[in-house]
Structures are given as structure tokens and as C-alpha cells.
Amino acid sequence: MDKIYRVLIDTQDEKGLVYKISSVFYNNNLNMVSNNEFVDKVNNKFFNRSEVSGNVNTEALYTELKETLPLKTKIEIIAPRKKNIVLMVTKESHALGDLLIRYEAGELDANILAVVSNYDTLKPLVDKFNIPFICVEHNDLSRSEHEKLVLKKLSKFDNLDYIVLAKYMRILTPEFVDAYEDKIINIHHSFLPAFIGANPYKQAYERGVKIIGATSHFVNNNLDEGPIIFQDVVHVNHAHKWTDMRALGRDVEKIVLSKALKLVLEDRIFVYANKTVIF
């Protein structure tokens, strides 16, 4: 059975792009298994995600696409393989536990290389899944000093594709974010852009909201303002205390993070202008 490659194209829009792309696939004797495209008419942008099978010569395919499509076209040809990820956590177990169970069940198309934490609280849980647990304590260290130690640990993993913050409750410095630009995925316990920062469930309770939610997003240097990947909500009412909202919210957080990670692992996301196009 032929392997399926993913081809991602980000370019300026013009007439005939779908025809040109499919012609290149045909010329290379490739079968188009799936194809999705989107045109942002406001910014004159064209996005295309295709899956192709056959005898894929990535270098030749890239060259022909580059020669056929507009200047400055961004092209990614992604060979089938499991992504390598590291999970980062603090003390809360719900998001981590959900991902570990999905991983054990074969639902995550990834290799979890390790779980990194600034506490050893969750080590017994991680040990049950035979995954390395790395504790880098932050006691008596500045944020910068602590992050340097964490980055040193992460640097030992070859081909690290993504870092998943599964309730890692520390704000990352620009130096850390820049080291893994567009590679850090966070789960925020709020339906962003509402209730940014600490204790959003208490903020939501005090505001009297009727829905609460969670948001998974890529991390950038603006707190909780990175490109949004996936969101979901649950209804609440006047009878819910803020602690009730927190309990409900944790269930939403697990689902949102796992769905966002699935989209990332399947290369379904284009990031531009601090937004996402998702196929």
C-alpha cells in the first residue's frame, strides 16, 4: 500500500491554482486522495491541503510546484511519520491523564518522548505509562534560570516537533517561546478572548456568564493571545458556584486539548496573521 504524503500550500490567490496543483500531481503520477482549499478574499490568500499517494519524489515534487505556483509560495511536503512531542505539566492531572490514556489506546499519532514538570506531583501517574518523567524544580530560581534548565533538558530530544502545555501553570519567557516558535500548544481554561489570566472560572462566575469554555492555542509572546486552534463550551446557570464551573471546565479542557492536538498532528493547520485556517 502506498504511503500518503501531505502537501500544504500557502500562496497569493490567482486564477487556476487548483488546476495547476492537480496537474503537477498528475505529471508526477500521484493519486490525489483528498484535497481542501480556502481563499481569504480580504487578504487575497490561498490555502491548500492535499493528500497524495504513489511513488513520491519529494524533491522533484517540490521543485515543480515551486516553478508552477506564484512567487513566495510556501510549500510543505510532509512524509508520513509519527510526530515527537513532549508534555509539560505542573500539578493538575486531568489534561495529562486524558492524553496519556489516549496515547496508550493508540489514539495519538505521536511519540510522547517525556513529561516535564516543575513539581514531582504527577510522577506516579506518568510512571504507570512507562514514559520518562523529568522534574526541573523552580525553587529559589529566577524564571530565566529555571527555563534555561528546562531548555537544556528539551535540547536532548532530537527532532522534537511540538511541546504540549497540558496545564503547565507558568508564563513562558520570550526566549523560550522563540526557541520553539509555532511549536508550543497550550490549553487555556477560558473561552478566549474572555477572562484572560488567572482563575477565569471565578471571573466568569462573578460576571454571571451562561456558558464557559476552553481554548487551545499556539503560544506566542502575548499572554493567551496566540493563534486559536480549537474551542468548545458548556452551558451553566445561576445555580453553579465557581467551583462547579471549574469542575465542568476541566472536562471541556481535556476534550479541547485532545482535539487541537489531533489537528496539529495531522498537519491540518495554517497559521497566518495570528489566526488559523484549519482543514
Foldseek 3Di string as FASTA:
>chain_A
DWFKKKKKKKDADDPPPVVLLVVLCVVVVKDWPDKDWDADVVRRMIIMITIITDDDDPVVSVVSNCVRDDPPMDMDIGTDAAAEEEEEAEADCLQVLLVLVCVVVVNHSHHHQEYEYQDCNCVVVVVVSVHHYHHQHCPPHDLVRSVVVVVVVVVVDPRHQAYEYSHHPDDHAQVNCVVRPQRYKYKALFDPPPQFDPLSLQVCLVVFDQKTKMWMAGDHRPGPQAATQFMDIDTDHNPDDSVNVVVVSSVRSNVRSVVSSRQVRVVQWDDDPRYIDGD
